Amino acid sequence: MRRAQCSCGQLSVETEGEPTRISMCHCIACQRRTGSAFGAQARFADECVRITGTSTTYTRLGDSGHAIHFHFCPTCGSTVYYQLDRAPGAIAIALGAFGDPTFPAPKVSVYEARKHAWVGMPEDVEHID
C-alpha cells in the first residue's frame, strides 16, 4: 500500500500492489507541466487505485497524438494523477506525489531527444523516443 497526495493534502491516491510501469518523460510539455527537467510517473491498474478529494482536470494532446487528462488539486495546484487515452485501464501517478525517496527507479525513459544534457539515467532503463 502506497499513498500519494498533493501539497496541501486535499487530493490523495492510495495504491495497492506494484506499479505496472515506472517511467520518465523528457518532452517539453512535461517539463513545463512539472516545472522540472522531466516528468516521472508510476502506472497502476485502475482497480489498484483509490482516489479521495476533489480534482480539476486539464486535457492536452501528447506528442503521440493521444489525449492525456491531468488531475490536479484546485487548492494548491499539484498534479497528482493522470489518465492516458493510450493506456485505458491504468492511472498514472506523479512519482513525486508519493514523497518517498525509496520508490523504485524508472525503468522506461521517453522523448530523450529533449532530455537536458545534465540529466543522468538509471543504468537499466529502457530508452524509447
Protein backbone atom coordinates (compact mmCIF):
# COMPACT_ATOMS: atom_id res chain seq x y z
CA MET A 1 0.00 0.00 0.00
CA ARG A 2 1.35 3.39 -1.03
CA ARG A 3 -0.12 6.87 -0.65
CA ALA A 4 0.40 9.89 -2.91
CA GLN A 5 -1.02 13.34 -2.30
CA CYS A 6 -0.94 16.97 -3.36
CA SER A 7 1.00 19.62 -1.44
CA CYS A 8 -1.94 20.59 0.79
CA GLY A 9 -3.23 17.02 1.29
CA GLN A 10 -6.74 17.64 -0.07
CA LEU A 11 -6.30 15.26 -3.06
CA SER A 12 -4.80 11.84 -2.43
CA VAL A 13 -4.41 8.45 -4.04
CA GLU A 14 -3.85 5.10 -2.35
CA THR A 15 -2.43 2.23 -4.36
CA GLU A 16 -2.20 -1.50 -3.78
CA GLY A 17 0.44 -3.72 -5.29
CA GLU A 18 3.32 -2.80 -7.52
CA PRO A 19 3.17 -0.39 -10.45
CA THR A 20 2.80 -1.84 -13.93
CA ARG A 21 5.25 0.75 -15.30
CA ILE A 22 7.51 3.43 -13.87
CA SER A 23 8.74 5.93 -16.43
CA MET A 24 10.15 9.37 -17.05
CA CYS A 25 9.21 11.70 -19.88
CA HIS A 26 11.52 14.39 -21.24
CA CYS A 27 9.02 16.07 -23.60
CA ILE A 28 8.75 19.85 -23.40
CA ALA A 29 5.10 19.66 -22.24
CA CYS A 30 6.09 17.55 -19.21
CA GLN A 31 8.95 19.92 -18.45
CA ARG A 32 6.53 22.84 -18.45
CA ARG A 33 3.83 20.96 -16.51
CA THR A 34 6.20 19.92 -13.74
CA GLY A 35 8.50 22.93 -13.73
CA SER A 36 11.35 20.42 -13.76
CA ALA A 37 13.65 18.78 -16.31
CA PHE A 38 11.27 15.83 -16.82
CA GLY A 39 8.07 14.24 -15.57
CA ALA A 40 8.11 10.90 -13.74
CA GLN A 41 5.14 8.62 -13.18
CA ALA A 42 4.12 5.23 -11.88
CA ARG A 43 1.20 3.46 -13.55
CA PHE A 44 -1.21 1.26 -11.67
CA ALA A 45 -4.24 -0.72 -12.85
CA ASP A 46 -7.50 1.15 -12.14
CA GLU A 47 -8.65 -1.48 -9.66
CA CYS A 48 -5.49 -0.94 -7.57
CA VAL A 49 -6.14 2.79 -7.05
CA ARG A 50 -8.45 4.65 -4.67
CA ILE A 51 -8.77 8.42 -5.16
CA THR A 52 -10.09 10.79 -2.49
CA GLY A 53 -10.60 14.53 -2.67
CA THR A 54 -11.53 16.90 -5.45
CA SER A 55 -9.54 17.47 -8.62
CA THR A 56 -9.62 19.81 -11.57
CA THR A 57 -8.76 18.33 -14.96
CA TYR A 58 -6.57 19.69 -17.73
CA THR A 59 -6.56 17.72 -21.00
CA ARG A 60 -3.97 18.03 -23.74
CA LEU A 61 -2.76 16.01 -26.69
CA GLY A 62 0.54 14.26 -26.09
CA ASP A 63 3.32 14.05 -28.65
CA SER A 64 1.81 10.65 -29.52
CA GLY A 65 -1.40 12.39 -30.65
CA HIS A 66 -3.45 10.81 -27.84
CA ALA A 67 -5.20 12.77 -25.08
CA ILE A 68 -3.84 12.92 -21.53
CA HIS A 69 -6.15 14.01 -18.70
CA PHE A 70 -4.19 15.58 -15.82
CA HIS A 71 -5.91 15.76 -12.43
CA PHE A 72 -4.61 18.42 -10.09
CA CYS A 73 -5.66 19.90 -6.77
CA PRO A 74 -7.81 23.03 -7.22
CA THR A 75 -6.41 24.42 -3.95
CA CYS A 76 -2.63 24.00 -4.27
CA GLY A 77 -2.28 23.16 -7.98
CA SER A 78 -0.25 19.95 -7.58
CA THR A 79 -0.72 17.36 -10.33
CA VAL A 80 -1.35 14.09 -8.52
CA TYR A 81 -2.51 11.68 -11.20
CA TYR A 82 -3.41 11.42 -14.87
CA GLN A 83 -5.09 9.14 -17.33
CA LEU A 84 -3.83 8.45 -20.83
CA ASP A 85 -6.27 7.57 -23.61
CA ARG A 86 -3.42 5.48 -24.97
CA ALA A 87 -3.38 3.33 -21.78
CA PRO A 88 -7.00 2.55 -20.85
CA GLY A 89 -7.47 0.81 -17.52
CA ALA A 90 -4.45 2.49 -15.95
CA ILE A 91 -3.88 5.52 -13.78
CA ALA A 92 -0.51 7.28 -13.82
CA ILE A 93 0.52 8.88 -10.55
CA ALA A 94 3.15 11.60 -10.36
CA LEU A 95 6.18 9.98 -8.74
CA GLY A 96 6.93 13.00 -6.57
CA ALA A 97 3.41 12.91 -5.10
CA PHE A 98 4.41 9.77 -3.19
CA GLY A 99 7.05 11.75 -1.28
CA ASP A 100 9.07 8.55 -0.98
CA PRO A 101 12.78 8.67 -1.86
CA THR A 102 12.87 4.83 -1.69
CA PHE A 103 10.30 4.48 -4.50
CA PRO A 104 11.71 2.24 -7.28
CA ALA A 105 13.56 3.97 -10.11
CA PRO A 106 12.01 4.40 -13.57
CA LYS A 107 12.56 1.52 -16.00
CA VAL A 108 11.47 3.46 -19.11
CA SER A 109 12.63 6.83 -20.45
CA VAL A 110 10.79 8.53 -23.34
CA TYR A 111 11.46 11.52 -25.62
CA GLU A 112 15.14 11.62 -24.73
CA ALA A 113 15.87 13.84 -27.74
CA ARG A 114 14.60 16.66 -25.48
CA LYS A 115 16.47 15.47 -22.36
CA HIS A 116 18.60 18.03 -20.54
CA ALA A 117 22.27 17.14 -21.05
CA TRP A 118 22.97 17.03 -17.31
CA VAL A 119 20.20 14.50 -16.51
CA GLY A 120 21.63 11.09 -15.60
CA MET A 121 19.71 7.94 -16.42
CA PRO A 122 19.45 4.70 -14.41
CA GLU A 123 21.71 2.04 -15.93
CA ASP A 124 18.96 -0.44 -16.73
CA VAL A 125 16.40 1.99 -18.17
CA GLU A 126 14.69 1.23 -21.49
CA HIS A 127 15.10 4.12 -23.95
CA ILE A 128 12.09 4.97 -26.15
CA ASP A 129 12.00 8.04 -28.38
